[in-house]
Amino acid sequence: RLNKKLEIVGVVATMYDARKVLNREVVETIIKYFGKKVFKTMIRDNVALAEAPASRKDIFEYNPRSSGAKDYLRLCKEIIERIETEEA
């Protein structure tokens, strides 16, 4: 209604913990609803992502080797790939 040109490129699951049944069920539900719009990369729940803002740093400055940094880097690459594919 407000922005008719707005287009969703994709949906991201965050704070994901594969060990938790609820997390897996939520992702399954999201995939059923949004289908191919759901990015394959999921941002895993980890302490570094919670600590970085308190240090006034992004995750790449705070702990570039953390699973959070790796996940966000992977997501960025996936977003770029999806946009380039859609433009082609």
N, C-alpha and C. Protein backbone atom coordinates (compact mmCIF):
# COMPACT_ATOMS: atom_id res chain seq x y z
N ARG A 1 0.82 -1.19 0.00
CA ARG A 1 0.00 0.00 0.00
C ARG A 1 0.87 1.25 0.00
N LEU A 2 1.94 1.27 0.79
CA LEU A 2 2.76 2.47 0.90
C LEU A 2 3.81 2.58 -0.19
N ASN A 3 4.37 1.44 -0.57
CA ASN A 3 5.42 1.46 -1.58
C ASN A 3 5.18 0.31 -2.55
N LYS A 4 4.41 0.56 -3.56
CA LYS A 4 4.01 -0.49 -4.48
C LYS A 4 5.17 -1.04 -5.30
N LYS A 5 6.28 -0.30 -5.37
CA LYS A 5 7.44 -0.76 -6.12
C LYS A 5 8.40 -1.59 -5.26
N LEU A 6 8.14 -1.63 -3.95
CA LEU A 6 8.98 -2.40 -3.04
C LEU A 6 8.90 -3.88 -3.37
N GLU A 7 10.05 -4.50 -3.48
CA GLU A 7 10.11 -5.91 -3.83
C GLU A 7 10.99 -6.64 -2.83
N ILE A 8 10.51 -7.77 -2.34
CA ILE A 8 11.29 -8.57 -1.39
C ILE A 8 12.26 -9.44 -2.18
N VAL A 9 13.54 -9.26 -1.90
CA VAL A 9 14.56 -10.06 -2.57
C VAL A 9 14.63 -11.44 -1.93
N GLY A 10 14.44 -11.47 -0.61
CA GLY A 10 14.51 -12.75 0.07
C GLY A 10 14.21 -12.63 1.55
N VAL A 11 14.14 -13.80 2.18
CA VAL A 11 13.85 -13.91 3.61
C VAL A 11 15.03 -14.61 4.27
N VAL A 12 15.44 -14.08 5.43
CA VAL A 12 16.61 -14.61 6.14
C VAL A 12 16.19 -15.14 7.51
N ALA A 13 16.59 -16.36 7.81
CA ALA A 13 16.39 -16.92 9.14
C ALA A 13 17.58 -16.51 10.00
N THR A 14 17.31 -15.89 11.14
CA THR A 14 18.38 -15.47 12.05
C THR A 14 18.21 -16.14 13.41
N MET A 15 19.27 -16.04 14.21
CA MET A 15 19.29 -16.63 15.54
C MET A 15 18.96 -18.13 15.47
N TYR A 16 19.43 -18.77 14.42
CA TYR A 16 19.12 -20.17 14.15
C TYR A 16 20.03 -21.11 14.93
N ASP A 17 19.43 -22.11 15.53
CA ASP A 17 20.17 -23.16 16.24
C ASP A 17 19.58 -24.49 15.78
N ALA A 18 20.32 -25.21 14.95
CA ALA A 18 19.83 -26.46 14.36
C ALA A 18 19.54 -27.52 15.41
N ARG A 19 20.08 -27.38 16.61
CA ARG A 19 19.83 -28.36 17.67
C ARG A 19 18.42 -28.24 18.24
N LYS A 20 17.78 -27.10 18.01
CA LYS A 20 16.46 -26.86 18.59
C LYS A 20 15.36 -27.22 17.59
N VAL A 21 14.47 -28.10 18.02
CA VAL A 21 13.37 -28.54 17.17
C VAL A 21 12.51 -27.36 16.73
N LEU A 22 12.22 -26.45 17.65
CA LEU A 22 11.39 -25.29 17.32
C LEU A 22 12.01 -24.47 16.19
N ASN A 23 13.32 -24.26 16.26
CA ASN A 23 14.01 -23.51 15.19
C ASN A 23 13.85 -24.19 13.85
N ARG A 24 14.03 -25.49 13.82
CA ARG A 24 13.89 -26.23 12.56
C ARG A 24 12.46 -26.16 12.04
N GLU A 25 11.48 -26.26 12.94
CA GLU A 25 10.08 -26.19 12.53
C GLU A 25 9.71 -24.81 12.00
N VAL A 26 10.24 -23.77 12.63
CA VAL A 26 9.97 -22.41 12.17
C VAL A 26 10.53 -22.21 10.77
N VAL A 27 11.74 -22.66 10.53
CA VAL A 27 12.35 -22.53 9.20
C VAL A 27 11.54 -23.31 8.17
N GLU A 28 11.08 -24.50 8.52
CA GLU A 28 10.24 -25.28 7.60
C GLU A 28 8.97 -24.51 7.24
N THR A 29 8.36 -23.87 8.22
CA THR A 29 7.15 -23.08 7.99
C THR A 29 7.45 -21.89 7.09
N ILE A 30 8.57 -21.23 7.34
CA ILE A 30 8.95 -20.08 6.51
C ILE A 30 9.17 -20.53 5.07
N ILE A 31 9.81 -21.66 4.89
CA ILE A 31 10.07 -22.18 3.54
C ILE A 31 8.75 -22.54 2.85
N LYS A 32 7.82 -23.14 3.59
CA LYS A 32 6.51 -23.48 3.00
C LYS A 32 5.79 -22.22 2.53
N TYR A 33 5.90 -21.14 3.29
CA TYR A 33 5.19 -19.91 2.96
C TYR A 33 5.90 -19.11 1.86
N PHE A 34 7.22 -18.94 1.99
CA PHE A 34 7.96 -18.07 1.06
C PHE A 34 8.69 -18.82 -0.05
N GLY A 35 8.82 -20.12 0.06
CA GLY A 35 9.45 -20.93 -0.99
C GLY A 35 10.87 -20.52 -1.31
N LYS A 36 11.12 -20.27 -2.60
CA LYS A 36 12.47 -19.96 -3.07
C LYS A 36 12.98 -18.60 -2.62
N LYS A 37 12.10 -17.80 -2.01
CA LYS A 37 12.53 -16.49 -1.50
C LYS A 37 13.42 -16.64 -0.27
N VAL A 38 13.37 -17.80 0.40
CA VAL A 38 14.16 -18.01 1.62
C VAL A 38 15.60 -18.28 1.22
N PHE A 39 16.50 -17.50 1.78
CA PHE A 39 17.92 -17.71 1.50
C PHE A 39 18.39 -19.02 2.15
N LYS A 40 19.30 -19.70 1.48
CA LYS A 40 19.86 -20.95 2.02
C LYS A 40 20.70 -20.67 3.26
N THR A 41 21.37 -19.54 3.26
CA THR A 41 22.20 -19.16 4.40
C THR A 41 21.33 -18.76 5.58
N MET A 42 21.60 -19.37 6.72
CA MET A 42 20.91 -19.00 7.95
C MET A 42 21.94 -18.44 8.91
N ILE A 43 21.56 -17.41 9.63
CA ILE A 43 22.48 -16.78 10.59
C ILE A 43 22.35 -17.52 11.91
N ARG A 44 23.40 -18.25 12.24
CA ARG A 44 23.38 -19.03 13.48
C ARG A 44 23.48 -18.12 14.69
N ASP A 45 22.82 -18.55 15.75
CA ASP A 45 22.87 -17.84 17.02
C ASP A 45 24.27 -18.01 17.60
N ASN A 46 24.93 -16.91 17.95
CA ASN A 46 26.23 -17.01 18.59
C ASN A 46 26.52 -15.77 19.42
N VAL A 47 27.36 -15.93 20.41
CA VAL A 47 27.63 -14.88 21.38
C VAL A 47 28.26 -13.65 20.74
N ALA A 48 29.13 -13.84 19.77
CA ALA A 48 29.83 -12.71 19.15
C ALA A 48 28.85 -11.72 18.53
N LEU A 49 27.76 -12.21 17.97
CA LEU A 49 26.76 -11.31 17.38
C LEU A 49 26.08 -10.46 18.44
N ALA A 50 25.94 -10.99 19.63
CA ALA A 50 25.35 -10.22 20.72
C ALA A 50 26.35 -9.25 21.33
N GLU A 51 27.62 -9.62 21.35
CA GLU A 51 28.65 -8.79 21.98
C GLU A 51 29.11 -7.62 21.09
N ALA A 52 29.11 -7.80 19.79
CA ALA A 52 29.64 -6.79 18.87
C ALA A 52 29.00 -5.42 19.03
N PRO A 53 27.68 -5.28 19.10
CA PRO A 53 27.09 -3.95 19.26
C PRO A 53 27.49 -3.25 20.56
N ALA A 54 27.68 -4.03 21.60
CA ALA A 54 28.09 -3.45 22.88
C ALA A 54 29.49 -2.84 22.78
N SER A 55 30.28 -3.36 21.86
CA SER A 55 31.63 -2.84 21.62
C SER A 55 31.64 -1.78 20.53
N ARG A 56 30.46 -1.43 20.04
CA ARG A 56 30.30 -0.46 18.96
C ARG A 56 31.09 -0.85 17.72
N LYS A 57 31.01 -2.14 17.41
CA LYS A 57 31.68 -2.68 16.24
C LYS A 57 30.71 -3.58 15.49
N ASP A 58 30.94 -3.71 14.19
CA ASP A 58 30.17 -4.71 13.47
C ASP A 58 30.85 -6.06 13.69
N ILE A 59 30.20 -7.11 13.28
CA ILE A 59 30.72 -8.46 13.55
C ILE A 59 32.06 -8.70 12.86
N PHE A 60 32.28 -8.04 11.73
CA PHE A 60 33.53 -8.25 11.00
C PHE A 60 34.71 -7.58 11.69
N GLU A 61 34.46 -6.48 12.38
CA GLU A 61 35.51 -5.84 13.18
C GLU A 61 35.70 -6.57 14.50
N TYR A 62 34.59 -6.97 15.10
CA TYR A 62 34.63 -7.56 16.44
C TYR A 62 35.25 -8.96 16.44
N ASN A 63 34.76 -9.83 15.58
CA ASN A 63 35.29 -11.19 15.54
C ASN A 63 35.07 -11.78 14.15
N PRO A 64 35.97 -11.47 13.23
CA PRO A 64 35.79 -11.91 11.84
C PRO A 64 35.82 -13.43 11.65
N ARG A 65 36.31 -14.16 12.63
CA ARG A 65 36.35 -15.62 12.52
C ARG A 65 35.15 -16.30 13.16
N SER A 66 34.25 -15.52 13.73
CA SER A 66 33.07 -16.09 14.39
C SER A 66 32.11 -16.68 13.36
N SER A 67 31.26 -17.57 13.83
CA SER A 67 30.27 -18.15 12.92
C SER A 67 29.31 -17.07 12.42
N GLY A 68 29.05 -16.05 13.23
CA GLY A 68 28.18 -14.95 12.82
C GLY A 68 28.77 -14.19 11.63
N ALA A 69 30.06 -13.89 11.69
CA ALA A 69 30.73 -13.18 10.59
C ALA A 69 30.73 -14.05 9.34
N LYS A 70 31.02 -15.32 9.51
CA LYS A 70 31.04 -16.24 8.36
C LYS A 70 29.65 -16.34 7.72
N ASP A 71 28.62 -16.43 8.58
CA ASP A 71 27.26 -16.54 8.07
C ASP A 71 26.85 -15.28 7.31
N TYR A 72 27.14 -14.10 7.87
CA TYR A 72 26.75 -12.85 7.20
C TYR A 72 27.53 -12.66 5.90
N LEU A 73 28.79 -13.06 5.87
CA LEU A 73 29.55 -12.97 4.63
C LEU A 73 28.95 -13.90 3.57
N ARG A 74 28.61 -15.11 3.98
CA ARG A 74 27.98 -16.06 3.07
C ARG A 74 26.64 -15.51 2.57
N LEU A 75 25.87 -14.88 3.46
CA LEU A 75 24.59 -14.29 3.07
C LEU A 75 24.78 -13.17 2.06
N CYS A 76 25.77 -12.32 2.29
CA CYS A 76 26.05 -11.22 1.34
C CYS A 76 26.35 -11.76 -0.05
N LYS A 77 27.15 -12.81 -0.10
CA LYS A 77 27.48 -13.41 -1.40
C LYS A 77 26.23 -14.00 -2.05
N GLU A 78 25.37 -14.62 -1.24
CA GLU A 78 24.15 -15.20 -1.78
C GLU A 78 23.19 -14.13 -2.29
N ILE A 79 23.11 -13.00 -1.59
CA ILE A 79 22.26 -11.89 -2.02
C ILE A 79 22.76 -11.34 -3.35
N ILE A 80 24.05 -11.11 -3.45
CA ILE A 80 24.62 -10.59 -4.69
C ILE A 80 24.35 -11.56 -5.84
N GLU A 81 24.56 -12.84 -5.59
CA GLU A 81 24.32 -13.85 -6.63
C GLU A 81 22.85 -13.85 -7.07
N ARG A 82 21.95 -13.74 -6.10
CA ARG A 82 20.52 -13.75 -6.44
C ARG A 82 20.14 -12.53 -7.27
N ILE A 83 20.64 -11.37 -6.87
CA ILE A 83 20.32 -10.13 -7.59
C ILE A 83 20.88 -10.19 -9.02
N GLU A 84 22.12 -10.67 -9.16
CA GLU A 84 22.71 -10.77 -10.48
C GLU A 84 21.95 -11.76 -11.36
N THR A 85 21.48 -12.85 -10.78
CA THR A 85 20.71 -13.85 -11.52
C THR A 85 19.38 -13.28 -11.98
N GLU A 86 18.72 -12.52 -11.08
CA GLU A 86 17.42 -11.92 -11.43
C GLU A 86 17.56 -10.85 -12.50
N GLU A 87 18.69 -10.14 -12.51
CA GLU A 87 18.90 -9.08 -13.50
C GLU A 87 19.22 -9.64 -14.87
N ALA A 88 19.78 -10.86 -14.88
CA ALA A 88 20.20 -11.46 -16.17
C ALA A 88 19.02 -11.98 -16.97
